[in-house]
Amino acid sequence: MKILYSAMFIFLFSTSIASACTTDTDCTTSGQTCVGGVCMTSGDVNSKGSGVVTLDNPLGKGVTPNLLIGKVINGVLGVVGSLALIMFIYGGFTWMLSSGNATLVEKGKNILMWAVIGLVIIFSAYALVNFVFKNVLAGA
């Protein structure tokens, strides 16, 4: 373990000493420029001419976490709507194909009722979250 720490220290110390500079002439032998006291290649220097590292938004330009959360919620609502449609169709077929069997009629009615209750709960939660994001958090 001591060897690993020693190797890391030597590597870090040697790279910092080797790349330290005060002017561009200190870096000319390697074809680099001096930026902020460090010799850098042209690929290391950003468009502003400094050695400061800038990170691009991995979500894309203009995409904020709020927009991402909104897209996820819309996608989930699409899936939930599709599942509700499938449950309505299944409940309707169960009821219509029951042939007068009271247990199958009751089963079909229950499927339809619980599908409606599920949709009401999902859309109520969406309305509540939408209200909080637009009215409460917008003022913060």
N, C-alpha and C. Protein backbone atom coordinates (compact mmCIF):
# COMPACT_ATOMS: atom_id res chain seq x y z
N MET A 1 0.83 -1.18 0.00
CA MET A 1 0.00 0.00 0.00
C MET A 1 0.88 1.25 0.00
N LYS A 2 1.99 1.19 0.74
CA LYS A 2 2.90 2.35 0.77
C LYS A 2 3.48 2.62 -0.60
N ILE A 3 3.72 1.54 -1.35
CA ILE A 3 4.27 1.71 -2.70
C ILE A 3 3.26 2.44 -3.59
N LEU A 4 1.99 2.09 -3.45
CA LEU A 4 0.96 2.74 -4.25
C LEU A 4 0.88 4.23 -3.93
N TYR A 5 0.88 4.57 -2.64
CA TYR A 5 0.84 5.98 -2.26
C TYR A 5 2.09 6.71 -2.72
N SER A 6 3.23 6.06 -2.62
CA SER A 6 4.48 6.69 -3.07
C SER A 6 4.44 6.93 -4.57
N ALA A 7 3.94 5.96 -5.32
CA ALA A 7 3.87 6.12 -6.77
C ALA A 7 2.92 7.24 -7.15
N MET A 8 1.78 7.31 -6.45
CA MET A 8 0.83 8.39 -6.74
C MET A 8 1.44 9.74 -6.41
N PHE A 9 2.15 9.86 -5.29
CA PHE A 9 2.77 11.12 -4.91
C PHE A 9 3.82 11.53 -5.93
N ILE A 10 4.65 10.58 -6.33
CA ILE A 10 5.70 10.90 -7.30
C ILE A 10 5.09 11.32 -8.63
N PHE A 11 4.03 10.62 -9.06
CA PHE A 11 3.38 10.99 -10.32
C PHE A 11 2.79 12.39 -10.25
N LEU A 12 2.05 12.67 -9.20
CA LEU A 12 1.43 13.99 -9.07
C LEU A 12 2.48 15.08 -8.93
N PHE A 13 3.51 14.84 -8.15
CA PHE A 13 4.55 15.84 -7.94
C PHE A 13 5.33 16.07 -9.22
N SER A 14 5.67 15.00 -9.94
CA SER A 14 6.47 15.16 -11.15
C SER A 14 5.67 15.85 -12.25
N THR A 15 4.36 15.54 -12.38
CA THR A 15 3.59 16.20 -13.42
C THR A 15 3.36 17.66 -13.10
N SER A 16 3.21 17.99 -11.82
CA SER A 16 3.00 19.39 -11.50
C SER A 16 4.28 20.20 -11.68
N ILE A 17 5.42 19.60 -11.37
CA ILE A 17 6.68 20.31 -11.57
C ILE A 17 6.98 20.45 -13.05
N ALA A 18 6.75 19.38 -13.81
CA ALA A 18 7.08 19.40 -15.23
C ALA A 18 6.19 20.37 -15.99
N SER A 19 4.97 20.58 -15.55
CA SER A 19 4.06 21.41 -16.32
C SER A 19 3.96 22.84 -15.77
N ALA A 20 4.69 23.17 -14.70
CA ALA A 20 4.64 24.52 -14.15
C ALA A 20 5.36 25.47 -15.10
N CYS A 21 4.80 26.67 -15.28
CA CYS A 21 5.41 27.64 -16.18
C CYS A 21 5.05 29.04 -15.72
N THR A 22 5.80 29.99 -16.23
CA THR A 22 5.49 31.40 -15.97
C THR A 22 5.23 32.16 -17.27
N THR A 23 5.84 31.73 -18.37
CA THR A 23 5.62 32.37 -19.67
C THR A 23 5.50 31.29 -20.74
N ASP A 24 5.11 31.71 -21.95
CA ASP A 24 4.99 30.75 -23.05
C ASP A 24 6.34 30.15 -23.44
N THR A 25 7.42 30.86 -23.15
CA THR A 25 8.73 30.33 -23.54
C THR A 25 9.10 29.11 -22.70
N ASP A 26 8.51 28.95 -21.51
CA ASP A 26 8.78 27.77 -20.70
C ASP A 26 8.18 26.51 -21.33
N CYS A 27 7.17 26.68 -22.17
CA CYS A 27 6.45 25.54 -22.75
C CYS A 27 6.75 25.33 -24.22
N THR A 28 7.62 26.13 -24.82
CA THR A 28 7.83 26.05 -26.26
C THR A 28 8.49 24.76 -26.70
N THR A 29 9.26 24.13 -25.84
CA THR A 29 9.93 22.89 -26.25
C THR A 29 8.93 21.78 -26.52
N SER A 30 7.80 21.81 -25.85
CA SER A 30 6.79 20.77 -26.04
C SER A 30 5.65 21.24 -26.94
N GLY A 31 5.73 22.46 -27.47
CA GLY A 31 4.68 22.97 -28.36
C GLY A 31 3.40 23.34 -27.62
N GLN A 32 3.54 23.71 -26.34
CA GLN A 32 2.37 24.05 -25.54
C GLN A 32 2.40 25.54 -25.22
N THR A 33 1.32 26.03 -24.64
CA THR A 33 1.25 27.40 -24.19
C THR A 33 1.06 27.43 -22.68
N CYS A 34 1.49 28.52 -22.07
CA CYS A 34 1.38 28.66 -20.62
C CYS A 34 0.05 29.33 -20.30
N VAL A 35 -0.80 28.62 -19.57
CA VAL A 35 -2.10 29.14 -19.19
C VAL A 35 -2.25 28.94 -17.68
N GLY A 36 -2.31 30.03 -16.95
CA GLY A 36 -2.50 29.95 -15.51
C GLY A 36 -1.38 29.22 -14.78
N GLY A 37 -0.17 29.28 -15.28
CA GLY A 37 0.96 28.63 -14.64
C GLY A 37 1.10 27.17 -14.99
N VAL A 38 0.35 26.70 -15.99
CA VAL A 38 0.40 25.30 -16.40
C VAL A 38 0.58 25.24 -17.90
N CYS A 39 1.51 24.37 -18.37
CA CYS A 39 1.69 24.16 -19.80
C CYS A 39 0.54 23.31 -20.31
N MET A 40 -0.15 23.83 -21.35
CA MET A 40 -1.30 23.11 -21.91
C MET A 40 -1.20 23.07 -23.41
N THR A 41 -1.73 21.98 -23.99
CA THR A 41 -1.82 21.90 -25.44
C THR A 41 -3.03 22.71 -25.88
N SER A 42 -3.16 22.94 -27.17
CA SER A 42 -4.27 23.75 -27.66
C SER A 42 -5.61 23.08 -27.39
N GLY A 43 -5.64 21.74 -27.30
CA GLY A 43 -6.88 21.04 -27.01
C GLY A 43 -7.32 21.21 -25.57
N ASP A 44 -6.38 21.53 -24.66
CA ASP A 44 -6.71 21.71 -23.26
C ASP A 44 -7.25 23.09 -22.96
N VAL A 45 -7.02 24.05 -23.86
CA VAL A 45 -7.42 25.43 -23.63
C VAL A 45 -8.81 25.63 -24.22
N ASN A 46 -9.71 26.19 -23.43
CA ASN A 46 -11.08 26.37 -23.94
C ASN A 46 -11.16 27.59 -24.86
N SER A 47 -12.34 27.88 -25.38
CA SER A 47 -12.51 28.94 -26.37
C SER A 47 -12.21 30.32 -25.81
N LYS A 48 -12.24 30.47 -24.49
CA LYS A 48 -11.96 31.77 -23.89
C LYS A 48 -10.47 31.98 -23.67
N GLY A 49 -9.67 30.96 -24.00
CA GLY A 49 -8.23 31.09 -23.87
C GLY A 49 -7.71 30.81 -22.48
N SER A 50 -8.54 30.28 -21.62
CA SER A 50 -8.05 29.96 -20.28
C SER A 50 -8.05 28.46 -20.10
N GLY A 51 -7.36 28.02 -19.08
CA GLY A 51 -7.26 26.60 -18.80
C GLY A 51 -8.36 26.12 -17.88
N VAL A 52 -9.39 26.92 -17.69
CA VAL A 52 -10.48 26.55 -16.82
C VAL A 52 -11.33 25.49 -17.52
N VAL A 53 -11.64 24.44 -16.80
CA VAL A 53 -12.45 23.37 -17.38
C VAL A 53 -13.92 23.74 -17.27
N THR A 54 -14.61 23.67 -18.38
CA THR A 54 -16.05 23.92 -18.39
C THR A 54 -16.76 22.64 -18.76
N LEU A 55 -17.87 22.38 -18.12
CA LEU A 55 -18.65 21.19 -18.39
C LEU A 55 -19.92 21.56 -19.15
N ASP A 56 -20.18 20.83 -20.21
CA ASP A 56 -21.41 21.04 -20.96
C ASP A 56 -22.54 20.29 -20.26
N ASN A 57 -23.74 20.79 -20.41
CA ASN A 57 -24.91 20.15 -19.82
C ASN A 57 -25.12 18.81 -20.51
N PRO A 58 -25.07 17.69 -19.78
CA PRO A 58 -25.24 16.39 -20.43
C PRO A 58 -26.65 16.16 -20.96
N LEU A 59 -27.61 16.96 -20.50
CA LEU A 59 -28.99 16.81 -20.96
C LEU A 59 -29.23 17.52 -22.27
N GLY A 60 -28.33 18.40 -22.67
CA GLY A 60 -28.49 19.18 -23.89
C GLY A 60 -28.61 20.65 -23.57
N LYS A 61 -28.49 21.46 -24.60
CA LYS A 61 -28.57 22.90 -24.39
C LYS A 61 -29.99 23.31 -24.05
N GLY A 62 -30.14 24.12 -23.01
CA GLY A 62 -31.43 24.65 -22.62
C GLY A 62 -32.31 23.69 -21.85
N VAL A 63 -31.81 22.51 -21.53
CA VAL A 63 -32.62 21.54 -20.79
C VAL A 63 -32.30 21.69 -19.31
N THR A 64 -33.32 21.96 -18.53
CA THR A 64 -33.16 22.10 -17.10
C THR A 64 -33.74 20.87 -16.40
N PRO A 65 -33.40 20.67 -15.15
CA PRO A 65 -34.00 19.54 -14.42
C PRO A 65 -35.52 19.61 -14.39
N ASN A 66 -36.09 20.81 -14.32
CA ASN A 66 -37.55 20.94 -14.33
C ASN A 66 -38.15 20.41 -15.63
N LEU A 67 -37.52 20.74 -16.76
CA LEU A 67 -38.02 20.23 -18.05
C LEU A 67 -37.87 18.72 -18.14
N LEU A 68 -36.77 18.20 -17.62
CA LEU A 68 -36.56 16.76 -17.64
C LEU A 68 -37.60 16.05 -16.80
N ILE A 69 -37.88 16.56 -15.61
CA ILE A 69 -38.90 15.96 -14.74
C ILE A 69 -40.26 16.03 -15.42
N GLY A 70 -40.56 17.14 -16.09
CA GLY A 70 -41.82 17.27 -16.81
C GLY A 70 -41.95 16.24 -17.92
N LYS A 71 -40.86 16.00 -18.66
CA LYS A 71 -40.90 15.01 -19.73
C LYS A 71 -41.10 13.60 -19.16
N VAL A 72 -40.45 13.32 -18.04
CA VAL A 72 -40.61 12.01 -17.41
C VAL A 72 -42.05 11.82 -16.94
N ILE A 73 -42.62 12.84 -16.31
CA ILE A 73 -44.01 12.75 -15.84
C ILE A 73 -44.96 12.56 -17.01
N ASN A 74 -44.75 13.28 -18.11
CA ASN A 74 -45.60 13.12 -19.29
C ASN A 74 -45.48 11.71 -19.87
N GLY A 75 -44.27 11.17 -19.88
CA GLY A 75 -44.08 9.80 -20.36
C GLY A 75 -44.78 8.78 -19.48
N VAL A 76 -44.67 8.96 -18.17
CA VAL A 76 -45.34 8.05 -17.23
C VAL A 76 -46.86 8.15 -17.39
N LEU A 77 -47.36 9.36 -17.58
CA LEU A 77 -48.81 9.51 -17.78
C LEU A 77 -49.27 8.83 -19.07
N GLY A 78 -48.45 8.85 -20.09
CA GLY A 78 -48.79 8.13 -21.32
C GLY A 78 -48.89 6.63 -21.09
N VAL A 79 -47.94 6.09 -20.32
CA VAL A 79 -47.97 4.66 -20.01
C VAL A 79 -49.19 4.33 -19.15
N VAL A 80 -49.45 5.16 -18.14
CA VAL A 80 -50.60 4.93 -17.26
C VAL A 80 -51.90 5.02 -18.05
N GLY A 81 -52.00 5.95 -18.96
CA GLY A 81 -53.19 6.06 -19.80
C GLY A 81 -53.39 4.82 -20.67
N SER A 82 -52.30 4.29 -21.21
CA SER A 82 -52.38 3.07 -22.01
C SER A 82 -52.83 1.89 -21.15
N LEU A 83 -52.26 1.78 -19.94
CA LEU A 83 -52.68 0.70 -19.04
C LEU A 83 -54.15 0.84 -18.65
N ALA A 84 -54.60 2.06 -18.43
CA ALA A 84 -56.01 2.26 -18.09
C ALA A 84 -56.91 1.85 -19.26
N LEU A 85 -56.50 2.18 -20.49
CA LEU A 85 -57.28 1.78 -21.66
C LEU A 85 -57.36 0.25 -21.74
N ILE A 86 -56.25 -0.42 -21.52
CA ILE A 86 -56.24 -1.89 -21.54
C ILE A 86 -57.17 -2.45 -20.45
N MET A 87 -57.14 -1.85 -19.26
CA MET A 87 -58.01 -2.33 -18.18
C MET A 87 -59.48 -2.06 -18.50
N PHE A 88 -59.80 -0.93 -19.13
CA PHE A 88 -61.18 -0.66 -19.53
C PHE A 88 -61.66 -1.71 -20.55
N ILE A 89 -60.81 -2.01 -21.52
CA ILE A 89 -61.17 -3.01 -22.53
C ILE A 89 -61.35 -4.38 -21.88
N TYR A 90 -60.41 -4.76 -21.00
CA TYR A 90 -60.49 -6.06 -20.33
C TYR A 90 -61.74 -6.14 -19.45
N GLY A 91 -62.02 -5.10 -18.68
CA GLY A 91 -63.22 -5.07 -17.84
C GLY A 91 -64.49 -5.13 -18.65
N GLY A 92 -64.53 -4.41 -19.77
CA GLY A 92 -65.70 -4.43 -20.64
C GLY A 92 -65.93 -5.79 -21.26
N PHE A 93 -64.85 -6.42 -21.76
CA PHE A 93 -65.00 -7.77 -22.31
C PHE A 93 -65.43 -8.77 -21.24
N THR A 94 -64.87 -8.64 -20.04
CA THR A 94 -65.25 -9.56 -18.97
C THR A 94 -66.74 -9.42 -18.65
N TRP A 95 -67.21 -8.20 -18.63
CA TRP A 95 -68.61 -7.96 -18.31
C TRP A 95 -69.53 -8.44 -19.45
N MET A 96 -69.15 -8.09 -20.69
CA MET A 96 -69.99 -8.44 -21.83
C MET A 96 -70.01 -9.94 -22.11
N LEU A 97 -68.91 -10.62 -21.84
CA LEU A 97 -68.83 -12.05 -22.14
C LEU A 97 -69.18 -12.92 -20.92
N SER A 98 -69.78 -12.31 -19.91
CA SER A 98 -70.08 -13.06 -18.68
C SER A 98 -71.25 -14.03 -18.86
N SER A 99 -72.05 -13.85 -19.90
CA SER A 99 -73.21 -14.73 -20.17
C SER A 99 -74.17 -14.81 -19.00
N GLY A 100 -74.31 -13.71 -18.28
CA GLY A 100 -75.24 -13.67 -17.17
C GLY A 100 -74.70 -14.22 -15.87
N ASN A 101 -73.45 -14.69 -15.86
CA ASN A 101 -72.83 -15.20 -14.64
C ASN A 101 -72.60 -14.02 -13.70
N ALA A 102 -73.21 -14.07 -12.52
CA ALA A 102 -73.16 -12.92 -11.59
C ALA A 102 -71.74 -12.62 -11.12
N THR A 103 -70.93 -13.64 -10.92
CA THR A 103 -69.56 -13.38 -10.44
C THR A 103 -68.72 -12.70 -11.52
N LEU A 104 -68.89 -13.10 -12.79
CA LEU A 104 -68.13 -12.46 -13.87
C LEU A 104 -68.63 -11.04 -14.13
N VAL A 105 -69.94 -10.81 -13.99
CA VAL A 105 -70.47 -9.45 -14.14
C VAL A 105 -69.88 -8.55 -13.05
N GLU A 106 -69.85 -9.05 -11.83
CA GLU A 106 -69.28 -8.28 -10.71
C GLU A 106 -67.78 -8.04 -10.91
N LYS A 107 -67.08 -9.06 -11.42
CA LYS A 107 -65.65 -8.91 -11.69
C LYS A 107 -65.40 -7.82 -12.75
N GLY A 108 -66.19 -7.82 -13.82
CA GLY A 108 -66.05 -6.80 -14.86
C GLY A 108 -66.33 -5.41 -14.33
N LYS A 109 -67.38 -5.26 -13.52
CA LYS A 109 -67.70 -3.97 -12.93
C LYS A 109 -66.58 -3.49 -12.00
N ASN A 110 -66.02 -4.41 -11.20
CA ASN A 110 -64.93 -4.05 -10.29
C ASN A 110 -63.69 -3.60 -11.06
N ILE A 111 -63.37 -4.29 -12.15
CA ILE A 111 -62.21 -3.89 -12.96
C ILE A 111 -62.41 -2.47 -13.50
N LEU A 112 -63.59 -2.19 -14.02
CA LEU A 112 -63.87 -0.85 -14.55
C LEU A 112 -63.84 0.21 -13.44
N MET A 113 -64.41 -0.12 -12.28
CA MET A 113 -64.44 0.83 -11.18
C MET A 113 -63.01 1.15 -10.69
N TRP A 114 -62.19 0.11 -10.51
CA TRP A 114 -60.84 0.34 -10.01
C TRP A 114 -59.96 1.03 -11.05
N ALA A 115 -60.21 0.81 -12.32
CA ALA A 115 -59.48 1.54 -13.36
C ALA A 115 -59.80 3.03 -13.30
N VAL A 116 -61.07 3.36 -13.08
CA VAL A 116 -61.47 4.77 -12.97
C VAL A 116 -60.87 5.38 -11.71
N ILE A 117 -60.93 4.66 -10.59
CA ILE A 117 -60.35 5.18 -9.33
C ILE A 117 -58.85 5.40 -9.48
N GLY A 118 -58.17 4.47 -10.14
CA GLY A 118 -56.73 4.63 -10.38
C GLY A 118 -56.41 5.86 -11.21
N LEU A 119 -57.19 6.09 -12.26
CA LEU A 119 -56.98 7.28 -13.09
C LEU A 119 -57.24 8.57 -12.31
N VAL A 120 -58.28 8.57 -11.48
CA VAL A 120 -58.57 9.76 -10.67
C VAL A 120 -57.41 10.05 -9.72
N ILE A 121 -56.86 9.02 -9.09
CA ILE A 121 -55.73 9.22 -8.17
C ILE A 121 -54.50 9.72 -8.92
N ILE A 122 -54.19 9.12 -10.06
CA ILE A 122 -53.01 9.52 -10.84
C ILE A 122 -53.13 10.96 -11.30
N PHE A 123 -54.28 11.34 -11.86
CA PHE A 123 -54.43 12.71 -12.37
C PHE A 123 -54.54 13.73 -11.24
N SER A 124 -55.07 13.33 -10.09
CA SER A 124 -55.07 14.23 -8.93
C SER A 124 -53.64 14.49 -8.45
N ALA A 125 -52.84 13.44 -8.42
CA ALA A 125 -51.43 13.61 -8.02
C ALA A 125 -50.71 14.51 -9.03
N TYR A 126 -50.97 14.32 -10.32
CA TYR A 126 -50.36 15.17 -11.34
C TYR A 126 -50.77 16.62 -11.17
N ALA A 127 -52.06 16.85 -10.91
CA ALA A 127 -52.55 18.22 -10.73
C ALA A 127 -51.90 18.86 -9.50
N LEU A 128 -51.74 18.10 -8.43
CA LEU A 128 -51.11 18.63 -7.22
C LEU A 128 -49.65 18.97 -7.46
N VAL A 129 -48.91 18.07 -8.10
CA VAL A 129 -47.49 18.33 -8.40
C VAL A 129 -47.37 19.51 -9.35
N ASN A 130 -48.21 19.57 -10.35
CA ASN A 130 -48.19 20.69 -11.29
C ASN A 130 -48.46 22.01 -10.58
N PHE A 131 -49.42 22.03 -9.68
CA PHE A 131 -49.72 23.24 -8.91
C PHE A 131 -48.52 23.66 -8.06
N VAL A 132 -47.90 22.70 -7.39
CA VAL A 132 -46.76 23.02 -6.52
C VAL A 132 -45.61 23.57 -7.35
N PHE A 133 -45.28 22.92 -8.48
CA PHE A 133 -44.16 23.39 -9.31
C PHE A 133 -44.42 24.76 -9.91
N LYS A 134 -45.64 24.99 -10.39
CA LYS A 134 -45.91 26.25 -11.09
C LYS A 134 -46.19 27.42 -10.15
N ASN A 135 -46.88 27.18 -9.05
CA ASN A 135 -47.30 28.29 -8.19
C ASN A 135 -46.45 28.47 -6.94
N VAL A 136 -46.09 27.38 -6.30
CA VAL A 136 -45.35 27.48 -5.04
C VAL A 136 -43.86 27.66 -5.28
N LEU A 137 -43.27 26.77 -6.11
CA LEU A 137 -41.82 26.83 -6.34
C LEU A 137 -41.41 27.93 -7.31
N ALA A 138 -42.35 28.44 -8.11
CA ALA A 138 -42.02 29.50 -9.05
C ALA A 138 -41.70 30.79 -8.31
N GLY A 139 -42.29 31.00 -7.15
CA GLY A 139 -42.03 32.21 -6.39
C GLY A 139 -40.72 32.17 -5.61
N ALA A 140 -40.16 30.97 -5.45
CA ALA A 140 -38.92 30.82 -4.67
C ALA A 140 -37.71 31.28 -5.43
